[in-house]
N, C-alpha and C. Protein backbone atom coordinates (compact mmCIF):
# COMPACT_ATOMS: atom_id res chain seq x y z
N UNK A 1 -40.77 -53.36 -20.65
CA UNK A 1 -40.98 -52.22 -21.47
C UNK A 1 -41.36 -51.06 -20.46
N UNK A 2 -42.44 -51.35 -19.51
CA UNK A 2 -43.07 -50.48 -18.63
C UNK A 2 -42.20 -49.94 -17.72
N UNK A 3 -41.36 -50.88 -17.39
CA UNK A 3 -40.25 -50.41 -16.37
C UNK A 3 -39.33 -49.36 -16.88
N UNK A 4 -38.92 -49.50 -18.15
CA UNK A 4 -38.15 -48.64 -18.94
C UNK A 4 -38.73 -47.24 -18.88
N UNK A 5 -40.03 -47.27 -19.29
CA UNK A 5 -40.79 -45.96 -19.41
C UNK A 5 -41.05 -45.29 -17.96
N UNK A 6 -40.96 -46.02 -16.94
CA UNK A 6 -41.17 -45.43 -15.66
C UNK A 6 -39.88 -44.96 -15.16
N UNK A 7 -38.64 -45.61 -15.63
CA UNK A 7 -37.21 -45.18 -15.43
C UNK A 7 -37.04 -43.70 -16.14
N UNK A 8 -37.46 -43.68 -17.25
CA UNK A 8 -37.11 -42.63 -18.02
C UNK A 8 -38.00 -41.52 -17.40
N UNK A 9 -39.20 -41.73 -17.01
CA UNK A 9 -40.13 -40.67 -16.47
C UNK A 9 -39.27 -39.98 -15.08
N UNK A 10 -38.80 -40.85 -14.28
CA UNK A 10 -38.22 -40.48 -13.24
C UNK A 10 -36.85 -39.71 -13.48
N UNK A 11 -36.22 -40.32 -14.41
CA UNK A 11 -34.98 -39.53 -14.78
C UNK A 11 -35.45 -38.01 -15.35
N UNK A 12 -36.45 -37.91 -16.04
CA UNK A 12 -36.96 -36.81 -16.64
C UNK A 12 -37.23 -35.62 -15.63
N UNK A 13 -37.90 -36.17 -14.63
CA UNK A 13 -38.36 -35.44 -13.34
C UNK A 13 -37.27 -34.79 -12.69
N UNK A 14 -36.29 -35.91 -12.46
CA UNK A 14 -35.05 -35.40 -11.71
C UNK A 14 -34.20 -34.33 -12.45
N UNK A 15 -34.18 -34.44 -13.83
CA UNK A 15 -33.41 -33.51 -14.67
C UNK A 15 -34.15 -31.88 -14.65
N UNK A 16 -35.47 -32.07 -14.75
CA UNK A 16 -36.28 -30.75 -14.68
C UNK A 16 -36.04 -30.12 -13.30
N UNK A 17 -36.14 -30.80 -12.31
CA UNK A 17 -35.98 -30.33 -10.87
C UNK A 17 -34.68 -29.58 -10.87
N UNK A 18 -33.58 -30.30 -11.29
CA UNK A 18 -32.34 -29.70 -11.41
C UNK A 18 -31.95 -28.47 -12.25
N UNK A 19 -32.45 -28.94 -13.49
CA UNK A 19 -32.21 -27.74 -14.50
C UNK A 19 -33.11 -26.50 -14.58
N UNK A 20 -34.05 -26.67 -13.73
CA UNK A 20 -34.93 -25.41 -13.75
C UNK A 20 -34.31 -24.30 -12.96
N UNK A 21 -33.52 -24.53 -12.15
CA UNK A 21 -32.70 -23.57 -11.30
C UNK A 21 -31.51 -22.89 -11.87
N UNK A 22 -31.23 -23.67 -12.94
CA UNK A 22 -29.67 -23.38 -13.46
C UNK A 22 -29.86 -22.27 -14.52
N UNK A 23 -28.84 -21.40 -14.92
CA UNK A 23 -29.31 -20.44 -15.85
C UNK A 23 -28.67 -20.90 -17.17
N UNK A 24 -27.76 -21.91 -17.21
CA UNK A 24 -27.37 -22.42 -18.36
C UNK A 24 -28.45 -23.18 -19.34
N UNK A 25 -28.63 -22.97 -20.58
CA UNK A 25 -29.32 -23.83 -21.48
C UNK A 25 -28.96 -25.52 -21.36
N UNK A 26 -30.07 -26.23 -21.00
CA UNK A 26 -29.78 -27.60 -20.78
C UNK A 26 -30.84 -28.54 -21.50
N UNK A 27 -30.47 -29.55 -22.05
CA UNK A 27 -31.26 -30.47 -22.81
C UNK A 27 -31.11 -31.82 -22.15
N UNK A 28 -32.09 -32.60 -21.77
CA UNK A 28 -32.00 -34.01 -21.69
C UNK A 28 -32.34 -34.97 -22.81
N UNK A 29 -31.41 -35.65 -23.43
CA UNK A 29 -31.51 -36.34 -24.78
C UNK A 29 -31.36 -37.71 -24.33
N UNK A 30 -31.97 -38.63 -25.34
CA UNK A 30 -31.47 -39.94 -24.97
C UNK A 30 -30.27 -40.58 -26.19
N UNK A 31 -30.15 -41.72 -26.36
CA UNK A 31 -28.75 -42.10 -27.03
C UNK A 31 -29.06 -41.82 -28.56
N UNK A 32 -30.30 -41.63 -28.96
CA UNK A 32 -30.63 -41.49 -30.35
C UNK A 32 -30.82 -39.97 -30.68
N UNK A 33 -30.58 -38.99 -29.65
CA UNK A 33 -30.72 -37.73 -30.02
C UNK A 33 -32.09 -37.23 -29.88
N UNK A 34 -32.92 -38.13 -29.30
CA UNK A 34 -34.34 -37.38 -29.02
C UNK A 34 -34.41 -36.55 -27.75
N UNK A 35 -35.01 -35.37 -27.76
CA UNK A 35 -35.20 -34.43 -26.79
C UNK A 35 -36.14 -35.02 -25.79
N UNK A 36 -35.73 -35.14 -24.55
CA UNK A 36 -36.87 -35.66 -23.53
C UNK A 36 -37.20 -34.72 -22.63
N UNK A 37 -36.37 -33.57 -22.38
CA UNK A 37 -36.83 -32.42 -21.66
C UNK A 37 -35.74 -31.49 -21.78
N UNK A 38 -36.29 -30.21 -21.34
CA UNK A 38 -35.33 -28.97 -21.57
C UNK A 38 -35.69 -28.11 -20.40
N UNK A 39 -34.78 -27.09 -20.17
CA UNK A 39 -35.08 -26.08 -19.08
C UNK A 39 -35.49 -24.79 -19.84
N UNK A 40 -36.00 -23.74 -18.96
CA UNK A 40 -36.26 -22.48 -19.48
C UNK A 40 -35.41 -21.68 -20.24
N UNK A 41 -34.12 -21.92 -20.12
CA UNK A 41 -32.99 -21.21 -20.66
C UNK A 41 -33.07 -21.68 -22.20
N UNK A 42 -33.37 -22.83 -22.35
CA UNK A 42 -33.15 -23.32 -23.74
C UNK A 42 -34.42 -22.80 -24.57
N UNK A 43 -35.58 -22.93 -23.85
CA UNK A 43 -36.82 -22.42 -24.66
C UNK A 43 -36.71 -20.89 -24.88
N UNK A 44 -36.13 -20.24 -23.90
CA UNK A 44 -35.94 -18.75 -24.16
C UNK A 44 -35.09 -18.49 -25.59
N UNK A 45 -33.89 -19.33 -25.36
CA UNK A 45 -32.96 -19.17 -26.59
C UNK A 45 -33.71 -19.47 -27.91
N UNK A 46 -34.49 -20.45 -27.72
CA UNK A 46 -35.07 -20.93 -29.17
C UNK A 46 -36.31 -20.19 -29.32
N UNK A 47 -36.76 -19.51 -28.46
CA UNK A 47 -38.15 -18.82 -28.60
C UNK A 47 -39.14 -20.25 -28.79
N UNK A 48 -39.02 -21.26 -28.21
CA UNK A 48 -40.19 -22.38 -28.13
C UNK A 48 -40.52 -22.68 -26.92
N UNK A 49 -41.78 -23.15 -26.88
CA UNK A 49 -42.31 -23.75 -25.50
C UNK A 49 -41.67 -25.22 -25.48
N UNK A 50 -41.49 -25.44 -24.02
CA UNK A 50 -41.04 -26.61 -23.63
C UNK A 50 -41.52 -27.98 -24.41
N UNK A 51 -42.99 -27.90 -24.62
CA UNK A 51 -43.70 -29.00 -25.38
C UNK A 51 -43.32 -29.12 -26.81
N UNK A 52 -42.86 -27.92 -27.54
CA UNK A 52 -42.50 -27.93 -28.64
C UNK A 52 -41.19 -28.65 -29.21
N UNK A 53 -40.22 -28.78 -28.06
CA UNK A 53 -39.02 -29.19 -27.94
C UNK A 53 -39.02 -30.70 -27.69
N UNK A 54 -40.06 -31.25 -26.73
CA UNK A 54 -40.08 -32.61 -26.38
C UNK A 54 -40.18 -33.41 -27.65
N UNK A 55 -39.47 -34.54 -27.46
CA UNK A 55 -39.62 -35.48 -28.74
C UNK A 55 -39.12 -35.24 -30.10
N UNK A 56 -38.55 -33.74 -30.15
CA UNK A 56 -37.82 -33.24 -31.37
C UNK A 56 -36.30 -34.12 -31.26
N UNK A 57 -36.04 -34.26 -32.59
CA UNK A 57 -34.55 -34.69 -32.62
C UNK A 57 -33.54 -33.58 -32.50
N UNK A 58 -32.39 -33.86 -31.73
CA UNK A 58 -31.39 -32.92 -31.46
C UNK A 58 -30.87 -32.34 -33.05
N UNK A 59 -30.92 -33.25 -33.81
CA UNK A 59 -30.22 -32.77 -35.25
C UNK A 59 -31.05 -31.71 -35.69
N UNK A 60 -32.51 -31.65 -35.41
CA UNK A 60 -33.34 -30.58 -35.95
C UNK A 60 -33.29 -29.34 -35.38
N UNK A 61 -32.54 -29.21 -34.24
CA UNK A 61 -32.50 -27.73 -33.48
C UNK A 61 -31.06 -27.18 -33.54
N UNK A 62 -29.94 -28.05 -33.89
CA UNK A 62 -28.72 -27.33 -33.94
C UNK A 62 -28.16 -27.29 -35.27
N UNK A 63 -27.25 -26.50 -35.42
CA UNK A 63 -26.69 -26.04 -36.61
C UNK A 63 -25.35 -27.06 -37.00
N UNK A 64 -24.92 -27.93 -36.10
CA UNK A 64 -23.73 -28.74 -36.53
C UNK A 64 -24.17 -29.92 -37.48
N UNK A 65 -23.34 -30.24 -38.28
CA UNK A 65 -23.59 -31.51 -39.03
C UNK A 65 -23.81 -32.72 -38.10
N UNK A 66 -24.75 -33.43 -38.66
CA UNK A 66 -25.20 -34.49 -37.91
C UNK A 66 -24.07 -35.53 -37.53
N UNK A 67 -23.07 -35.74 -38.44
CA UNK A 67 -22.10 -36.53 -37.97
C UNK A 67 -21.28 -36.09 -36.92
N UNK A 68 -21.18 -34.80 -36.59
CA UNK A 68 -20.48 -34.09 -35.47
C UNK A 68 -21.38 -34.39 -34.29
N UNK A 69 -22.68 -34.26 -34.42
CA UNK A 69 -23.66 -34.48 -33.18
C UNK A 69 -23.36 -35.99 -32.79
N UNK A 70 -23.53 -36.79 -33.82
CA UNK A 70 -23.22 -38.22 -33.63
C UNK A 70 -22.06 -38.60 -32.84
N UNK A 71 -20.97 -38.00 -33.03
CA UNK A 71 -19.61 -38.35 -32.46
C UNK A 71 -19.62 -37.85 -31.01
N UNK A 72 -20.50 -36.63 -30.85
CA UNK A 72 -20.40 -36.06 -29.32
C UNK A 72 -21.36 -36.98 -28.68
N UNK A 73 -22.47 -37.45 -28.92
CA UNK A 73 -23.50 -38.44 -28.61
C UNK A 73 -22.78 -39.82 -28.11
N UNK A 74 -22.01 -40.24 -29.09
CA UNK A 74 -21.19 -41.48 -28.87
C UNK A 74 -19.99 -41.29 -27.64
N UNK A 75 -19.52 -40.16 -27.52
CA UNK A 75 -18.56 -39.79 -26.56
C UNK A 75 -19.20 -39.74 -25.28
N UNK A 76 -20.59 -39.22 -25.29
CA UNK A 76 -21.24 -39.25 -23.94
C UNK A 76 -21.86 -40.41 -23.66
N UNK A 77 -21.87 -41.47 -24.46
CA UNK A 77 -22.31 -42.77 -24.19
C UNK A 77 -21.21 -43.53 -23.48
N UNK A 78 -20.02 -43.43 -23.93
CA UNK A 78 -18.95 -44.08 -23.49
C UNK A 78 -18.49 -43.41 -22.10
N UNK A 79 -19.05 -42.48 -21.69
CA UNK A 79 -18.60 -42.16 -20.35
C UNK A 79 -19.62 -41.83 -19.24
N UNK A 80 -19.30 -42.18 -18.09
CA UNK A 80 -20.17 -42.00 -16.92
C UNK A 80 -20.10 -40.65 -16.39
N UNK A 81 -19.21 -39.95 -17.01
CA UNK A 81 -18.84 -38.54 -16.33
C UNK A 81 -19.43 -37.39 -17.46
N UNK A 82 -19.45 -36.11 -16.94
CA UNK A 82 -19.84 -35.10 -17.99
C UNK A 82 -18.65 -35.05 -18.97
N UNK A 83 -19.17 -35.02 -20.18
CA UNK A 83 -18.57 -34.65 -21.32
C UNK A 83 -18.65 -33.33 -21.77
N UNK A 84 -17.51 -32.43 -21.88
CA UNK A 84 -17.74 -31.18 -22.13
C UNK A 84 -17.86 -30.95 -23.82
N UNK A 85 -18.66 -30.24 -24.20
CA UNK A 85 -18.92 -29.67 -25.44
C UNK A 85 -20.09 -28.58 -25.46
N UNK A 86 -20.20 -28.28 -26.86
CA UNK A 86 -21.36 -27.25 -26.89
C UNK A 86 -21.82 -27.36 -28.38
N UNK A 87 -22.98 -27.01 -28.61
CA UNK A 87 -23.81 -27.03 -29.78
C UNK A 87 -24.38 -25.55 -30.07
N UNK A 88 -24.52 -25.34 -31.40
CA UNK A 88 -25.02 -24.04 -31.83
C UNK A 88 -26.42 -24.31 -32.28
N UNK A 89 -27.15 -23.28 -31.83
CA UNK A 89 -28.70 -23.36 -32.16
C UNK A 89 -28.87 -22.14 -33.19
């Protein structure tokens, strides 16, 4: 369990390093839809602090029905490549 937490922490740090320089709103989420990290563009868009988004569920911040969000997350899980899509806030 500790190894999983460590790996998640490393992935989160790598995401934050990459996402902070990109202008596009970006979220790092796990397979259950929990928000693990975000970049400044998302926090500006939602008018929330990064800490307010951490550990929230994606379903709580988007306007799409939860079944559509689940379909998208499942498509992402099945692929090792980027899956195009968009969500409305």
